[in-house]
């Protein structure tokens, strides 16, 4: 009998100074990220299967598609219901697929994955992701190329969980400089938008998470002079701080306090912060979809820094 395979595939370590990260070939995901030995990500063990989509790449759509049903150019399409408990298709097609290493050096690793036409998504595409550690932290560069013969609608996302070392996120201070949250109803599908003013989800001024339960998309993001939106989580008493940022390619960020995770022990241990180019149910609604012509490529960046 051969050696047992890790549930997350090959383990690809990168390093820069006190920073260490482990990228995996199952889903092209990010399993761990530490700075000075302190966890920046609430990841998962090398002998464990990824749970809660931790660190996974979400392509060619992030979040949910209601009933897995959508229409494109008059053709009705049916995706596999990968979230059967809510009757949705969730988080794309590549999160459990094997990825191959394109390049790997001490401070960076690049992986690629080719997806061929599948029921409900008839376009072939490839996606590459490059993780780079540098003085300014971790940068994640994602690119999607349409290898079909007709225009392909795509969206992209990822699913890291950040931590500042507190037992739960309740005592940590959260800063989300965004004006709008997207309401959801049955099946966690959008029902409309609302200003965060006066809602439990107004974290434009930093404050403790407390017992607030969040699993919503934020948009109308405030951006700094470099075009980046920055969300910050900080431990009490001016403790460790983690900054999550998205570049101009991402207009939406899902914030998830983890209350719905199947494993009760993992709930609220880390904060899910999901960069997304489109809101939930985008394949069905058409909102903010990127339409790639044959051979066309899209790219975007997000990242994490820790203090």
C-alpha atoms as a PDB file:
ATOM      1  CA  UNK A   1       0.000   0.000   0.000  1.00  0.00           C
ATOM      2  CA  UNK A   2       1.345   3.453  -0.930  1.00  0.00           C
ATOM      3  CA  UNK A   3       1.723   6.414   1.342  1.00  0.00           C
ATOM      4  CA  UNK A   4      -1.505   8.111   2.382  1.00  0.00           C
ATOM      5  CA  UNK A   5      -2.314  11.365   0.592  1.00  0.00           C
ATOM      6  CA  UNK A   6      -2.901  14.556   2.540  1.00  0.00           C
ATOM      7  CA  UNK A   7      -6.580  15.579   2.226  1.00  0.00           C
ATOM      8  CA  UNK A   8      -5.441  18.966   0.921  1.00  0.00           C
ATOM      9  CA  UNK A   9      -2.773  17.632  -1.451  1.00  0.00           C
ATOM     10  CA  UNK A  10       0.816  18.804  -1.713  1.00  0.00           C
ATOM     11  CA  UNK A  11       1.942  21.314   0.915  1.00  0.00           C
ATOM     12  CA  UNK A  12       3.833  24.247  -0.609  1.00  0.00           C
ATOM     13  CA  UNK A  13       5.554  26.457   1.960  1.00  0.00           C
ATOM     14  CA  UNK A  14       6.623  30.020   1.227  1.00  0.00           C
ATOM     15  CA  UNK A  15       8.466  32.378   3.563  1.00  0.00           C
ATOM     16  CA  UNK A  16       9.697  35.945   3.935  1.00  0.00           C
ATOM     17  CA  UNK A  17      11.343  37.155   7.135  1.00  0.00           C
ATOM     18  CA  UNK A  18       9.095  36.064  10.020  1.00  0.00           C
ATOM     19  CA  UNK A  19       6.226  35.211   7.672  1.00  0.00           C
ATOM     20  CA  UNK A  20       5.287  31.652   6.719  1.00  0.00           C
ATOM     21  CA  UNK A  21       2.405  30.405   4.591  1.00  0.00           C
ATOM     22  CA  UNK A  22       1.351  27.005   3.303  1.00  0.00           C
ATOM     23  CA  UNK A  23      -0.496  26.734  -0.013  1.00  0.00           C
ATOM     24  CA  UNK A  24      -2.110  23.456  -1.068  1.00  0.00           C
ATOM     25  CA  UNK A  25      -2.764  21.801  -4.414  1.00  0.00           C
ATOM     26  CA  UNK A  26      -6.338  20.805  -3.599  1.00  0.00           C
ATOM     27  CA  UNK A  27      -8.327  23.842  -4.688  1.00  0.00           C
ATOM     28  CA  UNK A  28      -5.202  26.021  -4.933  1.00  0.00           C
ATOM     29  CA  UNK A  29      -6.044  27.159  -1.422  1.00  0.00           C
ATOM     30  CA  UNK A  30      -4.231  28.844   1.452  1.00  0.00           C
ATOM     31  CA  UNK A  31      -4.056  26.518   4.469  1.00  0.00           C
ATOM     32  CA  UNK A  32      -1.997  28.545   6.952  1.00  0.00           C
ATOM     33  CA  UNK A  33      -0.353  31.951   7.328  1.00  0.00           C
ATOM     34  CA  UNK A  34       1.722  32.953  10.354  1.00  0.00           C
ATOM     35  CA  UNK A  35       3.843  35.959  11.285  1.00  0.00           C
ATOM     36  CA  UNK A  36       6.448  35.490  14.011  1.00  0.00           C
ATOM     37  CA  UNK A  37       4.822  32.169  14.877  1.00  0.00           C
ATOM     38  CA  UNK A  38       1.418  33.794  15.445  1.00  0.00           C
ATOM     39  CA  UNK A  39      -1.567  32.633  13.413  1.00  0.00           C
ATOM     40  CA  UNK A  40      -2.928  35.258  11.043  1.00  0.00           C
ATOM     41  CA  UNK A  41      -5.330  32.791   9.445  1.00  0.00           C
ATOM     42  CA  UNK A  42      -7.747  30.479  11.219  1.00  0.00           C
ATOM     43  CA  UNK A  43      -6.757  27.638   8.937  1.00  0.00           C
ATOM     44  CA  UNK A  44      -6.815  23.853   9.268  1.00  0.00           C
ATOM     45  CA  UNK A  45      -4.466  20.967  10.030  1.00  0.00           C
ATOM     46  CA  UNK A  46      -2.383  19.154   7.450  1.00  0.00           C
ATOM     47  CA  UNK A  47      -4.219  15.880   8.162  1.00  0.00           C
ATOM     48  CA  UNK A  48      -7.681  17.492   7.925  1.00  0.00           C
ATOM     49  CA  UNK A  49     -10.022  18.066   5.009  1.00  0.00           C
ATOM     50  CA  UNK A  50     -10.704  21.752   4.445  1.00  0.00           C
ATOM     51  CA  UNK A  51     -13.819  22.822   6.340  1.00  0.00           C
ATOM     52  CA  UNK A  52     -15.935  25.952   5.957  1.00  0.00           C
ATOM     53  CA  UNK A  53     -14.229  26.684   2.590  1.00  0.00           C
ATOM     54  CA  UNK A  54     -11.163  27.883   4.533  1.00  0.00           C
ATOM     55  CA  UNK A  55      -8.732  29.561   2.163  1.00  0.00           C
ATOM     56  CA  UNK A  56     -10.347  28.100  -0.948  1.00  0.00           C
ATOM     57  CA  UNK A  57     -10.511  29.732  -4.380  1.00  0.00           C
ATOM     58  CA  UNK A  58     -14.070  30.469  -5.542  1.00  0.00           C
ATOM     59  CA  UNK A  59     -14.215  30.466  -9.363  1.00  0.00           C
ATOM     60  CA  UNK A  60     -16.119  30.952 -11.688  1.00  0.00           C
ATOM     61  CA  UNK A  61     -18.532  32.288  -9.087  1.00  0.00           C
ATOM     62  CA  UNK A  62     -18.297  32.994  -5.344  1.00  0.00           C
ATOM     63  CA  UNK A  63     -21.124  32.526  -2.862  1.00  0.00           C
ATOM     64  CA  UNK A  64     -24.474  31.065  -3.936  1.00  0.00           C
ATOM     65  CA  UNK A  65     -26.644  30.494  -6.998  1.00  0.00           C
ATOM     66  CA  UNK A  66     -30.270  29.971  -6.001  1.00  0.00           C
ATOM     67  CA  UNK A  67     -31.402  26.431  -6.810  1.00  0.00           C
ATOM     68  CA  UNK A  68     -28.326  26.192  -9.050  1.00  0.00           C
ATOM     69  CA  UNK A  69     -30.455  27.548 -11.863  1.00  0.00           C
ATOM     70  CA  UNK A  70     -29.541  30.381 -14.203  1.00  0.00           C
ATOM     71  CA  UNK A  71     -30.070  31.506 -17.769  1.00  0.00           C
ATOM     72  CA  UNK A  72     -27.492  32.736 -20.257  1.00  0.00           C
ATOM     73  CA  UNK A  73     -28.374  34.008 -23.740  1.00  0.00           C
ATOM     74  CA  UNK A  74     -31.759  32.318 -23.503  1.00  0.00           C
ATOM     75  CA  UNK A  75     -30.350  28.948 -22.436  1.00  0.00           C
ATOM     76  CA  UNK A  76     -31.425  27.597 -19.066  1.00  0.00           C
ATOM     77  CA  UNK A  77     -28.563  25.985 -17.154  1.00  0.00           C
ATOM     78  CA  UNK A  78     -28.566  23.761 -14.083  1.00  0.00           C
ATOM     79  CA  UNK A  79     -25.558  23.554 -11.760  1.00  0.00           C
ATOM     80  CA  UNK A  80     -24.968  20.758  -9.272  1.00  0.00           C
ATOM     81  CA  UNK A  81     -26.469  21.578  -5.869  1.00  0.00           C
ATOM     82  CA  UNK A  82     -23.298  21.671  -3.799  1.00  0.00           C
ATOM     83  CA  UNK A  83     -25.109  23.205  -0.813  1.00  0.00           C
ATOM     84  CA  UNK A  84     -27.978  20.683  -0.625  1.00  0.00           C
ATOM     85  CA  UNK A  85     -29.236  21.852   2.768  1.00  0.00           C
ATOM     86  CA  UNK A  86     -30.175  25.198   1.207  1.00  0.00           C
ATOM     87  CA  UNK A  87     -30.710  23.907  -2.347  1.00  0.00           C
ATOM     88  CA  UNK A  88     -27.956  26.102  -3.799  1.00  0.00           C
ATOM     89  CA  UNK A  89     -24.863  25.817  -5.939  1.00  0.00           C
ATOM     90  CA  UNK A  90     -22.068  27.342  -3.902  1.00  0.00           C
ATOM     91  CA  UNK A  91     -18.528  28.670  -4.415  1.00  0.00           C
ATOM     92  CA  UNK A  92     -17.751  27.645  -7.981  1.00  0.00           C
ATOM     93  CA  UNK A  93     -16.162  24.641  -9.649  1.00  0.00           C
ATOM     94  CA  UNK A  94     -12.466  24.514  -8.692  1.00  0.00           C
ATOM     95  CA  UNK A  95     -12.369  24.417  -4.885  1.00  0.00           C
ATOM     96  CA  UNK A  96     -11.914  20.613  -4.721  1.00  0.00           C
ATOM     97  CA  UNK A  97     -10.047  20.138  -7.989  1.00  0.00           C
ATOM     98  CA  UNK A  98      -6.327  19.279  -8.189  1.00  0.00           C
ATOM     99  CA  UNK A  99      -4.142  22.233  -9.147  1.00  0.00           C
ATOM    100  CA  UNK A 100      -0.628  21.999 -10.562  1.00  0.00           C
ATOM    101  CA  UNK A 101       2.425  24.007  -9.551  1.00  0.00           C
ATOM    102  CA  UNK A 102       3.529  26.525 -12.170  1.00  0.00           C
ATOM    103  CA  UNK A 103       6.407  28.056 -10.209  1.00  0.00           C
ATOM    104  CA  UNK A 104       7.620  27.827  -6.620  1.00  0.00           C
ATOM    105  CA  UNK A 105      10.379  29.839  -4.985  1.00  0.00           C
ATOM    106  CA  UNK A 106      11.100  30.793  -1.378  1.00  0.00           C
ATOM    107  CA  UNK A 107       8.775  33.796  -1.271  1.00  0.00           C
ATOM    108  CA  UNK A 108       6.071  32.896  -3.766  1.00  0.00           C
ATOM    109  CA  UNK A 109       4.171  30.071  -5.394  1.00  0.00           C
ATOM    110  CA  UNK A 110       1.970  30.041  -8.484  1.00  0.00           C
ATOM    111  CA  UNK A 111      -0.590  27.329  -9.259  1.00  0.00           C
ATOM    112  CA  UNK A 112      -2.963  26.683 -12.134  1.00  0.00           C
ATOM    113  CA  UNK A 113      -6.120  24.717 -12.803  1.00  0.00           C
ATOM    114  CA  UNK A 114      -7.992  23.950 -16.025  1.00  0.00           C
ATOM    115  CA  UNK A 115     -11.752  23.444 -15.861  1.00  0.00           C
ATOM    116  CA  UNK A 116     -13.502  21.830 -18.792  1.00  0.00           C
ATOM    117  CA  UNK A 117     -17.204  22.252 -19.649  1.00  0.00           C
ATOM    118  CA  UNK A 118     -19.472  20.871 -16.950  1.00  0.00           C
ATOM    119  CA  UNK A 119     -23.230  20.523 -16.575  1.00  0.00           C
ATOM    120  CA  UNK A 120     -24.511  24.008 -15.817  1.00  0.00           C
ATOM    121  CA  UNK A 121     -21.310  25.762 -16.930  1.00  0.00           C
ATOM    122  CA  UNK A 122     -20.391  24.952 -20.547  1.00  0.00           C
ATOM    123  CA  UNK A 123     -17.193  27.023 -20.908  1.00  0.00           C
ATOM    124  CA  UNK A 124     -13.623  25.762 -20.579  1.00  0.00           C
ATOM    125  CA  UNK A 125     -11.407  28.124 -18.615  1.00  0.00           C
ATOM    126  CA  UNK A 126      -8.209  28.155 -16.654  1.00  0.00           C
ATOM    127  CA  UNK A 127      -7.447  29.959 -13.447  1.00  0.00           C
ATOM    128  CA  UNK A 128      -4.069  30.781 -11.945  1.00  0.00           C
ATOM    129  CA  UNK A 129      -3.286  32.034  -8.460  1.00  0.00           C
ATOM    130  CA  UNK A 130      -0.004  33.411  -7.171  1.00  0.00           C
ATOM    131  CA  UNK A 131       0.709  33.856  -3.463  1.00  0.00           C
ATOM    132  CA  UNK A 132       3.578  36.227  -2.652  1.00  0.00           C
ATOM    133  CA  UNK A 133       5.089  37.140   0.725  1.00  0.00           C
ATOM    134  CA  UNK A 134       6.967  40.436   0.987  1.00  0.00           C
ATOM    135  CA  UNK A 135       7.620  43.213   3.493  1.00  0.00           C
ATOM    136  CA  UNK A 136       4.021  44.405   3.113  1.00  0.00           C
ATOM    137  CA  UNK A 137       2.521  40.976   3.841  1.00  0.00           C
ATOM    138  CA  UNK A 138       0.681  38.479   1.661  1.00  0.00           C
ATOM    139  CA  UNK A 139      -0.578  39.346  -1.821  1.00  0.00           C
ATOM    140  CA  UNK A 140      -2.837  36.995  -3.776  1.00  0.00           C
ATOM    141  CA  UNK A 141      -3.069  37.501  -7.547  1.00  0.00           C
ATOM    142  CA  UNK A 142      -5.810  35.605  -9.397  1.00  0.00           C
ATOM    143  CA  UNK A 143      -6.346  35.370 -13.158  1.00  0.00           C
ATOM    144  CA  UNK A 144      -9.054  33.682 -15.244  1.00  0.00           C
ATOM    145  CA  UNK A 145      -8.839  33.008 -18.995  1.00  0.00           C
ATOM    146  CA  UNK A 146     -11.743  31.977 -21.204  1.00  0.00           C
ATOM    147  CA  UNK A 147     -10.654  29.099 -23.450  1.00  0.00           C
ATOM    148  CA  UNK A 148     -14.051  28.644 -25.042  1.00  0.00           C
ATOM    149  CA  UNK A 149     -15.373  29.813 -28.401  1.00  0.00           C
ATOM    150  CA  UNK A 150     -18.121  32.073 -27.007  1.00  0.00           C
ATOM    151  CA  UNK A 151     -18.172  34.837 -24.347  1.00  0.00           C
ATOM    152  CA  UNK A 152     -18.046  33.400 -20.811  1.00  0.00           C
ATOM    153  CA  UNK A 153     -19.560  35.029 -17.708  1.00  0.00           C
ATOM    154  CA  UNK A 154     -17.283  34.715 -14.679  1.00  0.00           C
ATOM    155  CA  UNK A 155     -16.865  36.008 -11.153  1.00  0.00           C
ATOM    156  CA  UNK A 156     -14.108  35.351  -8.643  1.00  0.00           C
ATOM    157  CA  UNK A 157     -13.624  35.116  -4.915  1.00  0.00           C
ATOM    158  CA  UNK A 158     -11.679  33.495  -2.088  1.00  0.00           C
ATOM    159  CA  UNK A 159     -12.471  32.457   1.479  1.00  0.00           C
ATOM    160  CA  UNK A 160      -9.790  33.169   4.118  1.00  0.00           C
ATOM    161  CA  UNK A 161     -10.597  33.438   7.825  1.00  0.00           C
ATOM    162  CA  UNK A 162      -8.475  35.928   9.776  1.00  0.00           C
ATOM    163  CA  UNK A 163      -7.638  35.819  13.473  1.00  0.00           C
ATOM    164  CA  UNK A 164      -5.897  38.104  15.979  1.00  0.00           C
ATOM    165  CA  UNK A 165      -5.321  35.335  18.510  1.00  0.00           C
ATOM    166  CA  UNK A 166      -8.405  35.852  20.674  1.00  0.00           C
ATOM    167  CA  UNK A 167     -10.326  32.674  21.668  1.00  0.00           C
ATOM    168  CA  UNK A 168     -13.268  34.011  19.682  1.00  0.00           C
ATOM    169  CA  UNK A 169     -13.710  37.103  17.562  1.00  0.00           C
ATOM    170  CA  UNK A 170     -16.244  38.565  20.031  1.00  0.00           C
ATOM    171  CA  UNK A 171     -13.704  40.678  21.931  1.00  0.00           C
ATOM    172  CA  UNK A 172     -11.862  41.820  18.813  1.00  0.00           C
ATOM    173  CA  UNK A 173     -12.447  45.269  17.326  1.00  0.00           C
ATOM    174  CA  UNK A 174     -13.709  45.270  13.725  1.00  0.00           C
ATOM    175  CA  UNK A 175     -13.468  48.071  11.169  1.00  0.00           C
ATOM    176  CA  UNK A 176     -15.443  47.641   7.919  1.00  0.00           C
ATOM    177  CA  UNK A 177     -15.432  50.936   5.982  1.00  0.00           C
ATOM    178  CA  UNK A 178     -18.392  50.172   3.740  1.00  0.00           C
ATOM    179  CA  UNK A 179     -21.715  51.985   3.384  1.00  0.00           C
ATOM    180  CA  UNK A 180     -24.019  49.211   2.171  1.00  0.00           C
ATOM    181  CA  UNK A 181     -24.917  45.684   3.195  1.00  0.00           C
ATOM    182  CA  UNK A 182     -26.924  43.240   1.079  1.00  0.00           C
ATOM    183  CA  UNK A 183     -29.961  41.784   2.780  1.00  0.00           C
ATOM    184  CA  UNK A 184     -30.683  38.108   2.219  1.00  0.00           C
ATOM    185  CA  UNK A 185     -33.731  35.927   2.712  1.00  0.00           C
ATOM    186  CA  UNK A 186     -34.532  32.301   2.128  1.00  0.00           C
ATOM    187  CA  UNK A 187     -31.489  30.319   0.977  1.00  0.00           C
ATOM    188  CA  UNK A 188     -29.292  33.364   1.792  1.00  0.00           C
ATOM    189  CA  UNK A 189     -30.126  34.887  -1.568  1.00  0.00           C
ATOM    190  CA  UNK A 190     -30.159  38.721  -1.850  1.00  0.00           C
ATOM    191  CA  UNK A 191     -33.450  40.524  -1.318  1.00  0.00           C
ATOM    192  CA  UNK A 192     -32.174  44.097  -1.505  1.00  0.00           C
ATOM    193  CA  UNK A 193     -29.621  46.586  -0.243  1.00  0.00           C
ATOM    194  CA  UNK A 194     -29.567  48.807   2.815  1.00  0.00           C
ATOM    195  CA  UNK A 195     -27.349  51.499   4.247  1.00  0.00           C
ATOM    196  CA  UNK A 196     -25.445  50.243   7.263  1.00  0.00           C
ATOM    197  CA  UNK A 197     -26.433  53.404   9.164  1.00  0.00           C
ATOM    198  CA  UNK A 198     -28.478  52.374  12.204  1.00  0.00           C
ATOM    199  CA  UNK A 199     -28.033  48.651  11.529  1.00  0.00           C
ATOM    200  CA  UNK A 200     -26.085  46.076  13.577  1.00  0.00           C
ATOM    201  CA  UNK A 201     -23.632  45.933  10.660  1.00  0.00           C
ATOM    202  CA  UNK A 202     -22.262  49.456  10.829  1.00  0.00           C
ATOM    203  CA  UNK A 203     -18.578  48.989  11.561  1.00  0.00           C
ATOM    204  CA  UNK A 204     -17.420  52.136   9.790  1.00  0.00           C
ATOM    205  CA  UNK A 205     -16.136  53.211  13.177  1.00  0.00           C
ATOM    206  CA  UNK A 206     -14.129  50.382  14.793  1.00  0.00           C
ATOM    207  CA  UNK A 207     -15.930  48.598  17.618  1.00  0.00           C
ATOM    208  CA  UNK A 208     -15.943  45.114  19.199  1.00  0.00           C
ATOM    209  CA  UNK A 209     -17.739  42.399  17.269  1.00  0.00           C
ATOM    210  CA  UNK A 210     -19.559  41.357  20.443  1.00  0.00           C
ATOM    211  CA  UNK A 211     -22.329  38.861  19.828  1.00  0.00           C
ATOM    212  CA  UNK A 212     -23.221  40.274  16.392  1.00  0.00           C
ATOM    213  CA  UNK A 213     -23.861  37.516  13.867  1.00  0.00           C
ATOM    214  CA  UNK A 214     -22.753  38.449  10.370  1.00  0.00           C
ATOM    215  CA  UNK A 215     -22.989  36.526   7.121  1.00  0.00           C
ATOM    216  CA  UNK A 216     -23.563  39.346   4.672  1.00  0.00           C
ATOM    217  CA  UNK A 217     -21.990  41.019   1.691  1.00  0.00           C
ATOM    218  CA  UNK A 218     -20.765  44.614   1.999  1.00  0.00           C
ATOM    219  CA  UNK A 219     -20.330  47.002  -0.909  1.00  0.00           C
ATOM    220  CA  UNK A 220     -19.907  50.731  -1.602  1.00  0.00           C
ATOM    221  CA  UNK A 221     -16.463  50.181  -0.141  1.00  0.00           C
ATOM    222  CA  UNK A 222     -14.361  53.099   1.058  1.00  0.00           C
ATOM    223  CA  UNK A 223     -10.995  52.999  -0.681  1.00  0.00           C
ATOM    224  CA  UNK A 224      -7.692  54.564   0.264  1.00  0.00           C
ATOM    225  CA  UNK A 225      -5.564  56.608  -2.115  1.00  0.00           C
ATOM    226  CA  UNK A 226      -4.016  53.447  -3.561  1.00  0.00           C
ATOM    227  CA  UNK A 227      -7.459  52.146  -4.599  1.00  0.00           C
ATOM    228  CA  UNK A 228      -7.572  49.498  -1.889  1.00  0.00           C
ATOM    229  CA  UNK A 229     -10.377  48.820   0.588  1.00  0.00           C
ATOM    230  CA  UNK A 230      -9.041  47.797   3.990  1.00  0.00           C
ATOM    231  CA  UNK A 231     -10.894  45.861   6.692  1.00  0.00           C
ATOM    232  CA  UNK A 232      -9.173  45.622  10.080  1.00  0.00           C
ATOM    233  CA  UNK A 233      -9.518  43.246  13.021  1.00  0.00           C
ATOM    234  CA  UNK A 234      -7.651  44.021  16.246  1.00  0.00           C
ATOM    235  CA  UNK A 235      -7.287  42.261  19.576  1.00  0.00           C
ATOM    236  CA  UNK A 236      -8.223  44.196  22.761  1.00  0.00           C
ATOM    237  CA  UNK A 237      -5.843  46.615  24.479  1.00  0.00           C
ATOM    238  CA  UNK A 238      -4.047  47.571  21.281  1.00  0.00           C
ATOM    239  CA  UNK A 239      -3.162  43.935  20.678  1.00  0.00           C
ATOM    240  CA  UNK A 240      -2.283  42.283  17.379  1.00  0.00           C
ATOM    241  CA  UNK A 241      -4.000  43.672  14.291  1.00  0.00           C
ATOM    242  CA  UNK A 242      -4.728  42.058  10.919  1.00  0.00           C
ATOM    243  CA  UNK A 243      -5.624  44.058   7.828  1.00  0.00           C
ATOM    244  CA  UNK A 244      -7.427  42.454   4.917  1.00  0.00           C
ATOM    245  CA  UNK A 245      -7.455  44.417   1.649  1.00  0.00           C
ATOM    246  CA  UNK A 246      -8.929  44.161  -1.820  1.00  0.00           C
ATOM    247  CA  UNK A 247      -7.815  45.941  -4.967  1.00  0.00           C
ATOM    248  CA  UNK A 248     -10.044  47.712  -7.515  1.00  0.00           C
ATOM    249  CA  UNK A 249     -11.077  44.432  -9.181  1.00  0.00           C
ATOM    250  CA  UNK A 250     -13.159  43.446  -6.135  1.00  0.00           C
ATOM    251  CA  UNK A 251     -16.268  45.502  -5.371  1.00  0.00           C
ATOM    252  CA  UNK A 252     -17.818  43.221  -2.748  1.00  0.00           C
ATOM    253  CA  UNK A 253     -16.632  41.659   0.523  1.00  0.00           C
ATOM    254  CA  UNK A 254     -18.516  38.993   2.443  1.00  0.00           C
ATOM    255  CA  UNK A 255     -18.004  39.095   6.217  1.00  0.00           C
ATOM    256  CA  UNK A 256     -18.798  35.853   8.071  1.00  0.00           C
ATOM    257  CA  UNK A 257     -18.634  35.375  11.836  1.00  0.00           C
ATOM    258  CA  UNK A 258     -18.859  31.609  11.422  1.00  0.00           C
ATOM    259  CA  UNK A 259     -22.036  30.984  13.419  1.00  0.00           C
ATOM    260  CA  UNK A 260     -23.399  28.546  10.829  1.00  0.00           C
ATOM    261  CA  UNK A 261     -20.319  26.323  10.617  1.00  0.00           C
ATOM    262  CA  UNK A 262     -21.183  22.638  11.153  1.00  0.00           C
ATOM    263  CA  UNK A 263     -18.408  22.164  13.717  1.00  0.00           C
ATOM    264  CA  UNK A 264     -19.488  24.099  16.808  1.00  0.00           C
ATOM    265  CA  UNK A 265     -15.892  24.256  18.034  1.00  0.00           C
ATOM    266  CA  UNK A 266     -14.880  26.265  14.955  1.00  0.00           C
ATOM    267  CA  UNK A 267     -17.652  28.838  15.208  1.00  0.00           C
ATOM    268  CA  UNK A 268     -16.535  32.447  15.738  1.00  0.00           C
ATOM    269  CA  UNK A 269     -12.877  31.416  16.088  1.00  0.00           C
ATOM    270  CA  UNK A 270     -11.939  33.404  12.986  1.00  0.00           C
ATOM    271  CA  UNK A 271     -13.585  36.013  10.803  1.00  0.00           C
ATOM    272  CA  UNK A 272     -14.369  34.992   7.245  1.00  0.00           C
ATOM    273  CA  UNK A 273     -13.431  37.834   4.882  1.00  0.00           C
ATOM    274  CA  UNK A 274     -14.250  36.984   1.289  1.00  0.00           C
ATOM    275  CA  UNK A 275     -13.142  39.155  -1.633  1.00  0.00           C
ATOM    276  CA  UNK A 276     -15.767  38.916  -4.391  1.00  0.00           C
ATOM    277  CA  UNK A 277     -16.102  40.498  -7.816  1.00  0.00           C
ATOM    278  CA  UNK A 278     -19.868  39.975  -7.779  1.00  0.00           C
ATOM    279  CA  UNK A 279     -22.606  39.585  -5.142  1.00  0.00           C
ATOM    280  CA  UNK A 280     -24.385  36.334  -4.244  1.00  0.00           C
ATOM    281  CA  UNK A 281     -26.569  34.853  -7.005  1.00  0.00           C
ATOM    282  CA  UNK A 282     -24.726  36.856  -9.661  1.00  0.00           C
ATOM    283  CA  UNK A 283     -24.938  34.155 -12.332  1.00  0.00           C
ATOM    284  CA  UNK A 284     -28.727  34.339 -12.062  1.00  0.00           C
ATOM    285  CA  UNK A 285     -29.046  38.108 -11.600  1.00  0.00           C
ATOM    286  CA  UNK A 286     -26.256  39.076 -13.965  1.00  0.00           C
ATOM    287  CA  UNK A 287     -25.058  41.749 -11.540  1.00  0.00           C
ATOM    288  CA  UNK A 288     -21.367  42.652 -11.855  1.00  0.00           C
ATOM    289  CA  UNK A 289     -20.512  39.590 -13.928  1.00  0.00           C
ATOM    290  CA  UNK A 290     -17.289  39.778 -15.924  1.00  0.00           C
ATOM    291  CA  UNK A 291     -17.872  38.638 -19.495  1.00  0.00           C
ATOM    292  CA  UNK A 292     -14.674  37.314 -21.045  1.00  0.00           C
ATOM    293  CA  UNK A 293     -14.388  37.062 -24.792  1.00  0.00           C
ATOM    294  CA  UNK A 294     -12.681  33.926 -26.171  1.00  0.00           C
ATOM    295  CA  UNK A 295      -9.040  34.098 -25.128  1.00  0.00           C
ATOM    296  CA  UNK A 296      -9.598  37.104 -22.854  1.00  0.00           C
ATOM    297  CA  UNK A 297      -8.053  37.209 -19.377  1.00  0.00           C
ATOM    298  CA  UNK A 298      -9.202  38.879 -16.157  1.00  0.00           C
ATOM    299  CA  UNK A 299      -6.976  39.477 -13.124  1.00  0.00           C
ATOM    300  CA  UNK A 300      -7.357  40.889  -9.611  1.00  0.00           C
ATOM    301  CA  UNK A 301      -5.508  41.126  -6.293  1.00  0.00           C
ATOM    302  CA  UNK A 302      -6.262  40.967  -2.583  1.00  0.00           C
ATOM    303  CA  UNK A 303      -4.071  40.465   0.446  1.00  0.00           C
ATOM    304  CA  UNK A 304      -3.439  40.398   4.179  1.00  0.00           C
ATOM    305  CA  UNK A 305      -0.984  42.221   6.450  1.00  0.00           C
ATOM    306  CA  UNK A 306      -0.392  41.660  10.154  1.00  0.00           C
ATOM    307  CA  UNK A 307       0.987  43.875  12.903  1.00  0.00           C
END
